[in-house]
Structure formats: structure tokens, C-alpha cells
Amino acid sequence: GEPNILICCTKNIFPPVMNTTWIKNGEIIKGFKETSYLPAQDGTFRKLHYLAFIPNEHD
């Protein structure tokens, strides 16, 4: 497969504290990147998470 990036955008976070876990086939995936908390106009926060991967025929 070709290299890809999965992006997860989490919104409406308040207070700005959370844990994110990426799971594939029941296994925790490490190595994702994330932004710092980004303020929104309504006083909440959002955060982006990125996971680079190369898909195979089982994905």
C-alpha cells in the first residue's frame, strides 16, 4: 500500500485534559503525533492527532 496519514480531530474538550489511544485489531498503536490544545471561540479546546501508516490488504 501507499503511505497514508489518519487524522483525528477531537472537539469540545473542557478542561483541556484528555488521553488518546489508537487501537488496531485490539492492539494499542504507538507513535502517533498530536498538536497542543487549540482554543475554540466558545471557550472549549480541540486537538488534532496524526498517525502515519502503510495499509495492507487486511486494513
N, C-alpha and C. Protein backbone atom coordinates (compact mmCIF):
# COMPACT_ATOMS: atom_id res chain seq x y z
N GLY A 1 0.80 -1.19 0.00
CA GLY A 1 0.00 0.00 0.00
C GLY A 1 0.85 1.26 0.00
N GLU A 2 0.18 2.34 -0.23
CA GLU A 2 0.83 3.66 -0.24
C GLU A 2 0.81 4.27 1.16
N PRO A 3 1.83 5.07 1.51
CA PRO A 3 1.82 5.74 2.81
C PRO A 3 0.59 6.64 2.95
N ASN A 4 -0.02 6.60 4.13
CA ASN A 4 -1.21 7.38 4.44
C ASN A 4 -1.07 8.01 5.81
N ILE A 5 -1.94 8.97 6.10
CA ILE A 5 -2.00 9.57 7.43
C ILE A 5 -3.46 9.61 7.87
N LEU A 6 -3.74 9.00 9.01
CA LEU A 6 -5.06 9.11 9.62
C LEU A 6 -5.05 10.36 10.50
N ILE A 7 -6.13 11.11 10.46
CA ILE A 7 -6.25 12.32 11.26
C ILE A 7 -7.50 12.22 12.12
N CYS A 8 -7.33 12.47 13.41
CA CYS A 8 -8.45 12.50 14.34
C CYS A 8 -8.54 13.91 14.92
N CYS A 9 -9.69 14.54 14.79
CA CYS A 9 -9.91 15.88 15.35
C CYS A 9 -10.90 15.75 16.51
N THR A 10 -10.42 16.03 17.71
CA THR A 10 -11.26 15.97 18.90
C THR A 10 -11.68 17.39 19.25
N LYS A 11 -12.98 17.61 19.40
CA LYS A 11 -13.51 18.96 19.67
C LYS A 11 -14.25 19.00 20.99
N ASN A 12 -14.57 20.22 21.42
CA ASN A 12 -15.37 20.46 22.63
C ASN A 12 -14.73 19.87 23.88
N ILE A 13 -13.42 19.99 24.00
CA ILE A 13 -12.70 19.49 25.17
C ILE A 13 -12.69 20.58 26.24
N PHE A 14 -13.13 20.24 27.44
CA PHE A 14 -13.00 21.16 28.57
C PHE A 14 -13.15 20.36 29.84
N PRO A 15 -12.24 20.51 30.76
CA PRO A 15 -11.00 21.27 30.67
C PRO A 15 -10.04 20.62 29.68
N PRO A 16 -8.97 21.29 29.30
CA PRO A 16 -8.05 20.74 28.28
C PRO A 16 -7.15 19.64 28.84
N VAL A 17 -7.79 18.51 29.16
CA VAL A 17 -7.08 17.33 29.67
C VAL A 17 -7.76 16.11 29.06
N MET A 18 -7.01 15.28 28.37
CA MET A 18 -7.57 14.05 27.81
C MET A 18 -6.45 13.10 27.41
N ASN A 19 -6.77 11.83 27.30
CA ASN A 19 -5.84 10.83 26.80
C ASN A 19 -6.42 10.25 25.52
N THR A 20 -5.57 10.00 24.55
CA THR A 20 -5.99 9.41 23.29
C THR A 20 -5.23 8.12 23.06
N THR A 21 -5.94 7.09 22.62
CA THR A 21 -5.31 5.81 22.31
C THR A 21 -5.77 5.37 20.93
N TRP A 22 -4.82 5.01 20.07
CA TRP A 22 -5.13 4.44 18.77
C TRP A 22 -5.03 2.92 18.92
N ILE A 23 -6.05 2.21 18.42
CA ILE A 23 -6.09 0.75 18.53
C ILE A 23 -6.36 0.15 17.16
N LYS A 24 -5.60 -0.89 16.84
CA LYS A 24 -5.80 -1.62 15.59
C LYS A 24 -5.87 -3.11 15.92
N ASN A 25 -6.99 -3.73 15.57
CA ASN A 25 -7.20 -5.16 15.84
C ASN A 25 -6.94 -5.51 17.30
N GLY A 26 -7.40 -4.64 18.20
CA GLY A 26 -7.27 -4.89 19.62
C GLY A 26 -5.91 -4.55 20.22
N GLU A 27 -4.97 -4.11 19.41
CA GLU A 27 -3.62 -3.78 19.88
C GLU A 27 -3.44 -2.26 19.91
N ILE A 28 -2.83 -1.75 20.97
CA ILE A 28 -2.55 -0.33 21.07
C ILE A 28 -1.42 0.03 20.12
N ILE A 29 -1.63 1.11 19.37
CA ILE A 29 -0.62 1.59 18.41
C ILE A 29 0.09 2.78 19.01
N LYS A 30 1.40 2.75 18.98
CA LYS A 30 2.21 3.86 19.49
C LYS A 30 2.79 4.64 18.31
N GLY A 31 3.30 5.83 18.60
CA GLY A 31 3.99 6.59 17.58
C GLY A 31 3.16 7.65 16.87
N PHE A 32 1.96 7.93 17.37
CA PHE A 32 1.18 8.99 16.73
C PHE A 32 1.66 10.35 17.21
N LYS A 33 1.39 11.36 16.43
CA LYS A 33 1.74 12.74 16.75
C LYS A 33 0.47 13.49 17.11
N GLU A 34 0.61 14.55 17.90
CA GLU A 34 -0.55 15.34 18.27
C GLU A 34 -0.17 16.80 18.44
N THR A 35 -1.17 17.66 18.25
CA THR A 35 -0.95 19.09 18.47
C THR A 35 -1.14 19.39 19.96
N SER A 36 -0.81 20.60 20.34
CA SER A 36 -1.19 21.07 21.67
C SER A 36 -2.68 21.39 21.63
N TYR A 37 -3.25 21.74 22.76
CA TYR A 37 -4.66 22.09 22.79
C TYR A 37 -4.86 23.42 22.07
N LEU A 38 -5.82 23.45 21.17
CA LEU A 38 -6.10 24.64 20.36
C LEU A 38 -7.39 25.27 20.87
N PRO A 39 -7.36 26.54 21.29
CA PRO A 39 -8.58 27.16 21.83
C PRO A 39 -9.63 27.41 20.75
N ALA A 40 -10.88 27.20 21.12
CA ALA A 40 -12.01 27.50 20.24
C ALA A 40 -12.71 28.76 20.75
N GLN A 41 -13.52 29.36 19.91
CA GLN A 41 -14.19 30.62 20.27
C GLN A 41 -15.19 30.46 21.42
N ASP A 42 -15.70 29.24 21.62
CA ASP A 42 -16.70 29.03 22.68
C ASP A 42 -16.09 28.71 24.04
N GLY A 43 -14.76 28.79 24.15
CA GLY A 43 -14.09 28.53 25.43
C GLY A 43 -13.63 27.10 25.62
N THR A 44 -14.00 26.21 24.69
CA THR A 44 -13.52 24.84 24.75
C THR A 44 -12.21 24.74 23.96
N PHE A 45 -11.71 23.54 23.83
CA PHE A 45 -10.47 23.31 23.10
C PHE A 45 -10.66 22.18 22.10
N ARG A 46 -9.75 22.10 21.17
CA ARG A 46 -9.70 20.98 20.23
C ARG A 46 -8.26 20.52 20.12
N LYS A 47 -8.09 19.31 19.60
CA LYS A 47 -6.75 18.74 19.47
C LYS A 47 -6.74 17.83 18.26
N LEU A 48 -5.65 17.86 17.50
CA LEU A 48 -5.51 17.00 16.32
C LEU A 48 -4.48 15.92 16.63
N HIS A 49 -4.77 14.71 16.15
CA HIS A 49 -3.87 13.58 16.30
C HIS A 49 -3.61 13.00 14.92
N TYR A 50 -2.37 12.63 14.65
CA TYR A 50 -1.97 12.12 13.34
C TYR A 50 -1.28 10.78 13.49
N LEU A 51 -1.63 9.84 12.63
CA LEU A 51 -0.98 8.53 12.64
C LEU A 51 -0.59 8.16 11.21
N ALA A 52 0.71 8.10 10.96
CA ALA A 52 1.21 7.70 9.65
C ALA A 52 1.24 6.17 9.59
N PHE A 53 0.81 5.61 8.46
CA PHE A 53 0.82 4.15 8.32
C PHE A 53 0.82 3.78 6.84
N ILE A 54 1.18 2.55 6.59
CA ILE A 54 1.09 1.98 5.24
C ILE A 54 0.09 0.83 5.31
N PRO A 55 -1.06 0.97 4.65
CA PRO A 55 -2.09 -0.06 4.75
C PRO A 55 -1.68 -1.35 4.03
N ASN A 56 -2.24 -2.45 4.53
CA ASN A 56 -2.07 -3.72 3.84
C ASN A 56 -3.45 -4.27 3.48
N GLU A 57 -3.53 -5.45 2.92
CA GLU A 57 -4.81 -5.97 2.44
C GLU A 57 -5.79 -6.26 3.57
N HIS A 58 -5.33 -6.29 4.82
CA HIS A 58 -6.21 -6.57 5.96
C HIS A 58 -6.79 -5.30 6.58
N ASP A 59 -6.35 -4.13 6.12
CA ASP A 59 -6.84 -2.87 6.69
C ASP A 59 -8.15 -2.45 6.05
